[in-house]
Amino acid sequence: MSDKIDYLTANGCGKDYAALETELLEALSRFSIYDYITPANLKEAEATFLEFGEDPVFEYGGDVGELDALEKWVRGLPLAREEGCWPFLARARDVFLKEIGLARAVGGDDFEKYTVLHTPPPTSREAENALKVLSWAWTGEEKPVVEDKTLEASSVVERFKMELKRLGMSGWSVIIGDGVARARVEASRKRVVIKGGEWFAESEIRRLVAHEIWGHALRGESGSRQPARVLGTQYLGGGATDEGIALHLEMAAGAWRGPMRAARHVVAVSAARGASFSGVYKAIRKYARTDKEAFSQVARVKRGLRDTSKPGGWTKDVIYFRGLVEMQRYFSQASYFDVECLYAGKFPLADCELVRRGLREGLLRTPALLPPPLTRENYKASLKRMREAYAATPMDL
């Protein structure tokens, strides 16, 4: 540890940084918003809704006492300095505390207030553009087809483990768990969760490897190897950038399904702000391949509510569309060094200049890990594939 402290001190982080960062990272690793916002009765609610059309009443778990203890712990950390690495640490603390507040509000009457603070809802322009994309995606030959799904969740787990090992990402776990999404990465826990009880198509597993492992997990692993290890967490406010990068890696891998789902998230979130569960379901059913897929989409945005017959819901899913548009603009002009910079950690695109300065000054290290499509020998061909993927869509937004 002494060598690390000396390195950080020499680069402006200060002698107290490493100890405080370790303590904050320990607190972050003990929390996941999904432990609180995932309905405990999701499977029962799905069966009831698809048979009877009744708006679900969601039940939630999670230890509120643990939230209180974590909040007290993190608020007590002296993270007021502004120079060196400290702004990243202070920001992670603030985002973390905001998620603690959101977790505490789950199932309550003020959940809508907290979710809007977490992620602003879609603008009218975003909603219009998303509808434009959906109208295009579901006309004529562009309408997606239903693929045969013959592989169990355990197959995804094994494939993910193999890819993590191949990339040299030790310390990560892949488990089967509950959730609305079919896969998710919890970077602060170095954990990937695959939804149990699901069946997957081979092409979907390839897409998920590109999205979850190359996009989310690898960016987190690279950040965790920085002197400022907090760059490996999901608490720097870079969710839209992270999703945009992951979606573009799907394109580079030839596994992209198009912008339909990102656009559908926006339409669902927008509809949820003024409609019941069944009302949102009606609004987006024509844009889903199956009833089950439509239910999952609505459940994503109605998470956090107890009585889903009321308007409102979780706004976070708009970040897929925002990130897609944001990163389209970035990758349309990116050089190799622009691409490489993105893997210094998990941060919003707005921080790129700050990160570049950290790399130039030696405060941050050039990332040792890059996803296969973005290595020096592959990035030009990958950028070309990304642009070709856009050429066939109405994503000039």
Protein backbone atom coordinates (compact mmCIF):
# COMPACT_ATOMS: atom_id res chain seq x y z
CA MET A 1 0.00 0.00 0.00
CA SER A 2 2.89 2.39 0.76
CA ASP A 3 3.99 2.40 -2.90
CA LYS A 4 0.48 3.29 -3.99
CA ILE A 5 0.23 6.12 -1.47
CA ASP A 6 3.59 7.51 -2.65
CA TYR A 7 2.44 7.40 -6.27
CA LEU A 8 -0.81 9.17 -5.45
CA THR A 9 0.93 11.80 -3.32
CA ALA A 10 3.35 12.55 -6.12
CA ASN A 11 0.44 13.10 -8.48
CA GLY A 12 -1.60 15.44 -6.32
CA CYS A 13 -4.08 13.11 -4.62
CA GLY A 14 -2.58 13.54 -1.17
CA LYS A 15 -1.47 11.15 1.54
CA ASP A 16 -4.99 10.58 2.88
CA TYR A 17 -6.55 9.72 -0.49
CA ALA A 18 -5.86 5.97 -0.64
CA ALA A 19 -7.27 5.24 2.81
CA LEU A 20 -10.43 7.26 2.21
CA GLU A 21 -10.93 5.76 -1.23
CA THR A 22 -10.61 2.23 0.17
CA GLU A 23 -13.24 3.02 2.79
CA LEU A 24 -15.63 4.55 0.26
CA LEU A 25 -15.20 1.63 -2.16
CA GLU A 26 -15.99 -0.80 0.63
CA ALA A 27 -19.24 1.05 1.32
CA LEU A 28 -20.15 1.14 -2.39
CA SER A 29 -19.57 -2.62 -2.70
CA ARG A 30 -22.18 -3.30 -0.02
CA PHE A 31 -25.01 -1.67 -1.94
CA SER A 32 -26.90 -2.22 -5.16
CA ILE A 33 -30.04 -0.29 -6.06
CA TYR A 34 -31.34 -3.50 -7.67
CA ASP A 35 -31.58 -5.18 -4.26
CA TYR A 36 -34.26 -2.61 -3.42
CA ILE A 37 -35.97 -1.72 -6.69
CA THR A 38 -36.49 -5.23 -8.10
CA PRO A 39 -40.03 -6.40 -7.24
CA ALA A 40 -39.95 -9.48 -5.02
CA ASN A 41 -43.16 -10.83 -6.59
CA LEU A 42 -42.23 -10.12 -10.21
CA LYS A 43 -42.92 -13.63 -11.55
CA GLU A 44 -46.31 -13.85 -9.85
CA ALA A 45 -47.22 -10.37 -11.07
CA GLU A 46 -46.30 -11.31 -14.63
CA ALA A 47 -48.48 -14.42 -14.60
CA THR A 48 -51.44 -12.52 -13.16
CA PHE A 49 -51.14 -9.61 -15.56
CA LEU A 50 -50.79 -11.72 -18.69
CA GLU A 51 -53.82 -13.82 -17.71
CA PHE A 52 -56.15 -11.21 -16.21
CA GLY A 53 -54.73 -7.82 -17.22
CA GLU A 54 -54.66 -6.56 -13.62
CA ASP A 55 -52.23 -3.80 -12.75
CA PRO A 56 -49.63 -5.37 -10.42
CA VAL A 57 -49.10 -4.39 -6.82
CA PHE A 58 -45.36 -4.82 -6.42
CA GLU A 59 -43.70 -5.95 -3.22
CA TYR A 60 -40.14 -5.05 -2.33
CA GLY A 61 -37.38 -6.32 -0.07
CA GLY A 62 -34.14 -4.72 1.05
CA ASP A 63 -32.84 -3.80 4.48
CA VAL A 64 -33.70 -0.19 5.34
CA GLY A 65 -31.49 -0.42 8.41
CA GLU A 66 -28.55 -1.18 6.13
CA LEU A 67 -29.36 1.98 4.15
CA ASP A 68 -29.24 4.07 7.31
CA ALA A 69 -25.89 2.58 8.33
CA LEU A 70 -24.37 3.08 4.87
CA GLU A 71 -25.58 6.65 4.64
CA LYS A 72 -24.16 7.53 8.05
CA TRP A 73 -20.87 5.86 7.17
CA VAL A 74 -20.41 7.65 3.84
CA ARG A 75 -21.57 11.05 5.07
CA GLY A 76 -18.91 10.82 7.74
CA LEU A 77 -16.04 10.57 5.26
CA PRO A 78 -14.10 13.86 4.90
CA LEU A 79 -14.21 14.31 1.12
CA ALA A 80 -14.29 18.07 0.71
CA ARG A 81 -11.07 18.70 -1.24
CA GLU A 82 -11.17 19.69 -4.90
CA GLU A 83 -7.71 19.08 -6.41
CA GLY A 84 -6.13 15.96 -7.87
CA CYS A 85 -8.27 12.82 -7.75
CA TRP A 86 -10.57 14.12 -5.06
CA PRO A 87 -13.38 15.48 -7.29
CA PHE A 88 -14.03 11.92 -8.56
CA LEU A 89 -14.23 10.65 -5.00
CA ALA A 90 -16.58 13.40 -3.84
CA ARG A 91 -18.82 12.92 -6.88
CA ALA A 92 -19.05 9.18 -6.33
CA ARG A 93 -20.10 9.87 -2.74
CA ASP A 94 -22.81 12.29 -3.87
CA VAL A 95 -24.22 9.95 -6.54
CA PHE A 96 -24.15 7.07 -4.06
CA LEU A 97 -26.09 9.08 -1.47
CA LYS A 98 -28.63 10.00 -4.14
CA GLU A 99 -29.14 6.29 -4.88
CA ILE A 100 -29.50 5.59 -1.16
CA GLY A 101 -32.31 8.16 -1.09
CA LEU A 102 -33.91 6.53 -4.12
CA ALA A 103 -33.69 3.07 -2.53
CA ARG A 104 -35.32 4.39 0.62
CA ALA A 105 -38.16 5.88 -1.47
CA VAL A 106 -38.97 2.59 -3.27
CA GLY A 107 -42.62 1.70 -2.74
CA GLY A 108 -43.40 5.09 -1.21
CA ASP A 109 -45.49 8.04 -2.35
CA ASP A 110 -42.44 10.22 -3.07
CA PHE A 111 -40.63 7.75 -5.32
CA GLU A 112 -41.32 9.87 -8.42
CA LYS A 113 -39.50 12.84 -6.89
CA TYR A 114 -36.38 10.80 -6.25
CA THR A 115 -36.28 9.03 -9.59
CA VAL A 116 -36.50 12.33 -11.49
CA LEU A 117 -33.56 13.62 -9.43
CA HIS A 118 -31.67 10.46 -10.36
CA THR A 119 -32.42 10.65 -14.10
CA PRO A 120 -34.40 13.50 -15.73
CA PRO A 121 -37.40 12.22 -17.74
CA PRO A 122 -37.49 12.32 -21.55
CA THR A 123 -37.79 15.69 -23.23
CA SER A 124 -40.52 16.17 -25.82
CA ARG A 125 -37.86 16.03 -28.54
CA GLU A 126 -36.49 12.75 -27.22
CA ALA A 127 -39.99 11.26 -27.15
CA GLU A 128 -40.66 12.40 -30.72
CA ASN A 129 -37.36 11.01 -31.98
CA ALA A 130 -37.96 7.70 -30.21
CA LEU A 131 -41.38 7.35 -31.84
CA LYS A 132 -39.77 8.11 -35.19
CA VAL A 133 -37.30 5.27 -34.67
CA LEU A 134 -40.03 2.83 -33.57
CA SER A 135 -42.23 3.70 -36.54
CA TRP A 136 -39.32 2.95 -38.85
CA ALA A 137 -38.30 -0.24 -37.05
CA TRP A 138 -41.72 -1.83 -37.28
CA THR A 139 -42.54 -1.24 -40.92
CA GLY A 140 -42.09 -3.71 -43.74
CA GLU A 141 -39.00 -5.89 -43.70
CA GLU A 142 -37.43 -4.08 -40.77
CA LYS A 143 -39.81 -5.68 -38.23
CA PRO A 144 -37.70 -7.88 -35.91
CA VAL A 145 -38.23 -11.62 -35.94
CA VAL A 146 -38.52 -13.92 -32.94
CA GLU A 147 -35.38 -16.06 -32.62
CA ASP A 148 -35.25 -19.61 -31.29
CA LYS A 149 -34.06 -19.55 -27.69
CA THR A 150 -32.56 -22.89 -26.75
CA LEU A 151 -29.88 -21.99 -24.18
CA GLU A 152 -30.51 -21.74 -20.45
CA ALA A 153 -29.21 -18.99 -18.18
CA SER A 154 -26.46 -21.35 -16.99
CA SER A 155 -25.06 -21.36 -20.54
CA VAL A 156 -24.76 -17.57 -20.44
CA VAL A 157 -22.98 -17.79 -17.09
CA GLU A 158 -20.37 -20.17 -18.49
CA ARG A 159 -19.81 -18.08 -21.61
CA PHE A 160 -19.39 -14.95 -19.53
CA LYS A 161 -16.91 -16.66 -17.22
CA MET A 162 -14.88 -17.84 -20.21
CA GLU A 163 -14.76 -14.32 -21.66
CA LEU A 164 -13.76 -12.76 -18.34
CA LYS A 165 -10.94 -15.30 -18.01
CA ARG A 166 -9.81 -14.69 -21.59
CA LEU A 167 -9.61 -10.95 -20.95
CA GLY A 168 -7.67 -11.45 -17.72
CA MET A 169 -10.41 -10.05 -15.49
CA SER A 170 -9.88 -11.96 -12.26
CA GLY A 171 -12.00 -11.27 -9.21
CA TRP A 172 -15.27 -11.02 -11.15
CA SER A 173 -18.22 -13.33 -10.47
CA VAL A 174 -21.14 -14.30 -12.69
CA ILE A 175 -24.29 -15.47 -10.95
CA ILE A 176 -27.90 -16.32 -11.72
CA GLY A 177 -30.28 -13.99 -9.92
CA ASP A 178 -33.50 -12.03 -10.08
CA GLY A 179 -34.24 -8.89 -12.02
CA VAL A 180 -36.17 -7.30 -14.84
CA ALA A 181 -33.23 -7.06 -17.26
CA ARG A 182 -31.87 -10.32 -18.69
CA ALA A 183 -28.35 -9.36 -17.64
CA ARG A 184 -26.74 -6.55 -15.65
CA VAL A 185 -23.31 -5.55 -14.38
CA GLU A 186 -22.72 -4.34 -10.82
CA ALA A 187 -19.28 -2.82 -11.27
CA SER A 188 -18.71 -1.86 -7.63
CA ARG A 189 -19.23 -5.50 -6.68
CA LYS A 190 -17.36 -6.85 -9.72
CA ARG A 191 -20.40 -8.97 -10.41
CA VAL A 192 -22.54 -9.87 -13.42
CA VAL A 193 -26.09 -11.09 -12.83
CA ILE A 194 -27.96 -13.24 -15.37
CA LYS A 195 -31.72 -13.45 -14.98
CA GLY A 196 -32.76 -16.94 -13.91
CA GLY A 197 -35.53 -18.92 -15.55
CA GLU A 198 -34.88 -17.40 -18.99
CA TRP A 199 -33.92 -18.92 -22.31
CA PHE A 200 -31.43 -17.28 -24.67
CA ALA A 201 -30.62 -17.44 -28.37
CA GLU A 202 -27.00 -17.93 -29.46
CA SER A 203 -26.98 -14.53 -31.17
CA GLU A 204 -28.25 -12.93 -27.98
CA ILE A 205 -25.37 -14.36 -25.96
CA ARG A 206 -22.91 -12.86 -28.44
CA ARG A 207 -24.66 -9.53 -28.10
CA LEU A 208 -24.65 -9.71 -24.31
CA VAL A 209 -20.92 -10.49 -24.23
CA ALA A 210 -20.27 -7.36 -26.29
CA HIS A 211 -22.64 -5.21 -24.24
CA GLU A 212 -22.16 -6.42 -20.68
CA ILE A 213 -18.58 -7.72 -20.66
CA TRP A 214 -16.79 -5.55 -23.26
CA GLY A 215 -18.89 -2.48 -22.51
CA HIS A 216 -19.79 -2.34 -18.83
CA ALA A 217 -17.56 -4.82 -17.00
CA LEU A 218 -14.31 -4.17 -18.90
CA ARG A 219 -14.66 -0.41 -18.51
CA GLY A 220 -15.17 -0.97 -14.78
CA GLU A 221 -12.18 -3.31 -14.53
CA SER A 222 -9.96 -0.84 -16.35
CA GLY A 223 -11.06 1.95 -14.01
CA SER A 224 -10.42 -0.18 -10.93
CA ARG A 225 -6.76 -0.48 -12.01
CA GLN A 226 -6.29 3.28 -12.01
CA PRO A 227 -4.61 5.14 -9.14
CA ALA A 228 -8.09 6.63 -8.67
CA ARG A 229 -9.85 3.25 -8.31
CA VAL A 230 -13.23 4.95 -7.94
CA LEU A 231 -13.16 5.19 -11.76
CA GLY A 232 -14.07 1.50 -11.71
CA THR A 233 -17.45 2.11 -10.06
CA GLN A 234 -20.78 3.12 -11.57
CA TYR A 235 -21.08 6.16 -9.31
CA LEU A 236 -19.58 8.95 -11.40
CA GLY A 237 -22.76 9.80 -13.29
CA GLY A 238 -21.72 8.25 -16.60
CA GLY A 239 -24.65 5.90 -17.14
CA ALA A 240 -25.70 7.26 -20.54
CA THR A 241 -22.13 7.23 -21.83
CA ASP A 242 -21.67 3.69 -20.54
CA GLU A 243 -24.79 2.43 -22.30
CA GLY A 244 -23.89 4.27 -25.49
CA ILE A 245 -20.46 2.63 -25.57
CA ALA A 246 -21.98 -0.79 -24.88
CA LEU A 247 -24.50 -0.40 -27.71
CA HIS A 248 -21.75 0.64 -30.12
CA LEU A 249 -19.73 -2.42 -29.17
CA GLU A 250 -22.74 -4.50 -30.20
CA MET A 251 -22.46 -2.82 -33.60
CA ALA A 252 -18.72 -3.47 -33.79
CA ALA A 253 -19.35 -7.14 -32.98
CA GLY A 254 -22.05 -7.41 -35.66
CA ALA A 255 -24.63 -8.23 -32.96
CA TRP A 256 -26.62 -5.00 -32.82
CA ARG A 257 -30.40 -5.38 -33.01
CA GLY A 258 -30.90 -1.78 -34.04
CA PRO A 259 -32.14 1.26 -32.09
CA MET A 260 -35.62 -0.15 -31.44
CA ARG A 261 -35.17 -1.15 -27.80
CA ALA A 262 -33.39 2.04 -26.82
CA ALA A 263 -36.23 4.01 -28.41
CA ARG A 264 -38.87 1.82 -26.76
CA HIS A 265 -37.38 2.60 -23.35
CA VAL A 266 -38.00 6.31 -23.98
CA VAL A 267 -41.58 5.76 -25.11
CA ALA A 268 -42.29 3.54 -22.10
CA VAL A 269 -40.81 6.01 -19.60
CA SER A 270 -42.66 8.89 -21.22
CA ALA A 271 -45.96 6.99 -21.14
CA ALA A 272 -45.44 5.85 -17.54
CA ARG A 273 -45.38 9.41 -16.25
CA GLY A 274 -49.11 9.72 -16.98
CA ALA A 275 -50.43 6.18 -17.24
CA SER A 276 -51.02 2.99 -15.30
CA PHE A 277 -49.14 -0.26 -15.90
CA SER A 278 -51.84 -1.47 -18.29
CA GLY A 279 -51.85 1.92 -20.02
CA VAL A 280 -48.11 1.74 -20.68
CA TYR A 281 -48.47 -1.86 -21.82
CA LYS A 282 -51.08 -0.79 -24.37
CA ALA A 283 -48.82 2.01 -25.61
CA ILE A 284 -45.80 -0.21 -26.26
CA ARG A 285 -47.25 -3.67 -26.99
CA LYS A 286 -47.19 -3.08 -30.74
CA TYR A 287 -43.46 -2.47 -30.49
CA ALA A 288 -42.68 -5.74 -28.69
CA ARG A 289 -42.34 -9.19 -30.23
CA THR A 290 -44.25 -11.05 -27.51
CA ASP A 291 -46.57 -10.36 -24.57
CA LYS A 292 -43.79 -11.42 -22.18
CA GLU A 293 -41.34 -8.98 -23.73
CA ALA A 294 -43.89 -6.18 -23.45
CA PHE A 295 -44.54 -7.03 -19.79
CA SER A 296 -40.81 -6.91 -19.03
CA GLN A 297 -40.54 -3.53 -20.69
CA VAL A 298 -43.37 -2.07 -18.60
CA ALA A 299 -42.07 -3.69 -15.42
CA ARG A 300 -38.74 -1.95 -16.00
CA VAL A 301 -40.32 1.49 -15.90
CA LYS A 302 -42.90 0.74 -13.21
CA ARG A 303 -40.27 -0.54 -10.78
CA GLY A 304 -40.21 1.48 -7.61
CA LEU A 305 -43.97 1.88 -7.42
CA ARG A 306 -46.06 -0.30 -5.19
CA ASP A 307 -49.46 0.37 -6.80
CA THR A 308 -48.72 0.36 -10.53
CA SER A 309 -52.20 1.56 -11.42
CA LYS A 310 -50.85 5.01 -10.48
CA PRO A 311 -48.82 7.14 -12.90
CA GLY A 312 -45.07 7.40 -12.53
CA GLY A 313 -42.12 5.03 -12.51
CA TRP A 314 -38.36 4.71 -12.82
CA THR A 315 -36.94 7.11 -15.41
CA LYS A 316 -33.45 5.59 -15.69
CA ASP A 317 -34.03 3.64 -18.90
CA VAL A 318 -33.92 6.81 -21.03
CA ILE A 319 -30.12 6.65 -20.73
CA TYR A 320 -29.91 3.98 -23.47
CA PHE A 321 -31.30 6.35 -26.09
CA ARG A 322 -29.38 9.34 -24.76
CA GLY A 323 -26.15 7.39 -24.75
CA LEU A 324 -26.77 6.01 -28.23
CA VAL A 325 -27.15 9.51 -29.69
CA GLU A 326 -24.28 10.92 -27.61
CA MET A 327 -21.80 8.24 -28.63
CA GLN A 328 -22.88 8.30 -32.28
CA ARG A 329 -21.63 11.87 -32.44
CA TYR A 330 -18.44 10.99 -30.58
CA PHE A 331 -17.51 7.91 -32.60
CA SER A 332 -18.26 9.68 -35.89
CA GLN A 333 -15.09 11.72 -35.37
CA ALA A 334 -13.07 9.62 -32.91
CA SER A 335 -9.37 8.81 -33.23
CA TYR A 336 -7.67 5.87 -31.55
CA PHE A 337 -6.65 8.04 -28.61
CA ASP A 338 -10.27 9.18 -28.18
CA VAL A 339 -11.35 5.54 -28.08
CA GLU A 340 -8.56 4.56 -25.71
CA CYS A 341 -9.43 7.40 -23.33
CA LEU A 342 -12.94 5.98 -22.82
CA TYR A 343 -11.43 2.93 -21.13
CA ALA A 344 -9.58 4.86 -18.45
CA GLY A 345 -12.68 4.15 -16.38
CA LYS A 346 -16.44 4.62 -16.10
CA PHE A 347 -17.13 8.33 -16.42
CA PRO A 348 -19.44 10.59 -18.45
CA LEU A 349 -18.32 11.86 -21.83
CA ALA A 350 -18.22 15.39 -20.41
CA ASP A 351 -15.20 14.31 -18.34
CA CYS A 352 -13.08 13.29 -21.33
CA GLU A 353 -10.91 16.39 -21.25
CA LEU A 354 -10.34 16.00 -17.51
CA VAL A 355 -9.36 12.35 -18.04
CA ARG A 356 -7.07 13.21 -20.95
CA ARG A 357 -5.31 15.75 -18.77
CA GLY A 358 -4.92 13.12 -16.06
CA LEU A 359 -3.37 10.76 -18.59
CA ARG A 360 -0.98 13.42 -19.91
CA GLU A 361 0.14 14.42 -16.42
CA GLY A 362 0.60 10.85 -15.22
CA LEU A 363 -2.17 11.09 -12.65
CA LEU A 364 -4.04 8.37 -14.56
CA ARG A 365 -2.59 5.40 -16.40
CA THR A 366 -3.12 4.51 -20.04
CA PRO A 367 -5.67 1.65 -19.92
CA ALA A 368 -4.10 -1.79 -20.22
CA LEU A 369 -7.43 -3.39 -21.16
CA LEU A 370 -9.49 -2.64 -24.25
CA PRO A 371 -12.38 -4.61 -25.77
CA PRO A 372 -11.32 -6.58 -28.86
CA PRO A 373 -13.08 -4.26 -31.35
CA LEU A 374 -11.33 -1.16 -29.97
CA THR A 375 -7.71 -2.31 -29.88
CA ARG A 376 -5.22 -0.38 -31.99
CA GLU A 377 -5.32 -2.96 -34.79
CA ASN A 378 -9.13 -3.25 -34.87
CA TYR A 379 -10.55 0.16 -34.04
CA LYS A 380 -10.65 1.57 -37.60
CA ALA A 381 -12.63 -1.39 -38.92
CA SER A 382 -14.91 -1.22 -35.86
CA LEU A 383 -15.64 2.48 -36.33
CA LYS A 384 -16.50 1.72 -39.93
CA ARG A 385 -18.94 -1.03 -38.85
CA MET A 386 -20.53 1.36 -36.34
CA ARG A 387 -21.11 3.98 -39.02
CA GLU A 388 -22.48 1.38 -41.43
CA ALA A 389 -24.89 0.19 -38.73
CA TYR A 390 -26.22 3.73 -38.42
CA ALA A 391 -26.48 4.22 -42.16
CA ALA A 392 -29.46 1.86 -42.31
CA THR A 393 -31.35 3.61 -39.48
CA PRO A 394 -33.06 6.98 -38.92
CA MET A 395 -30.60 7.83 -36.13
CA ASP A 396 -29.46 11.18 -37.56
CA LEU A 397 -31.07 12.91 -34.60
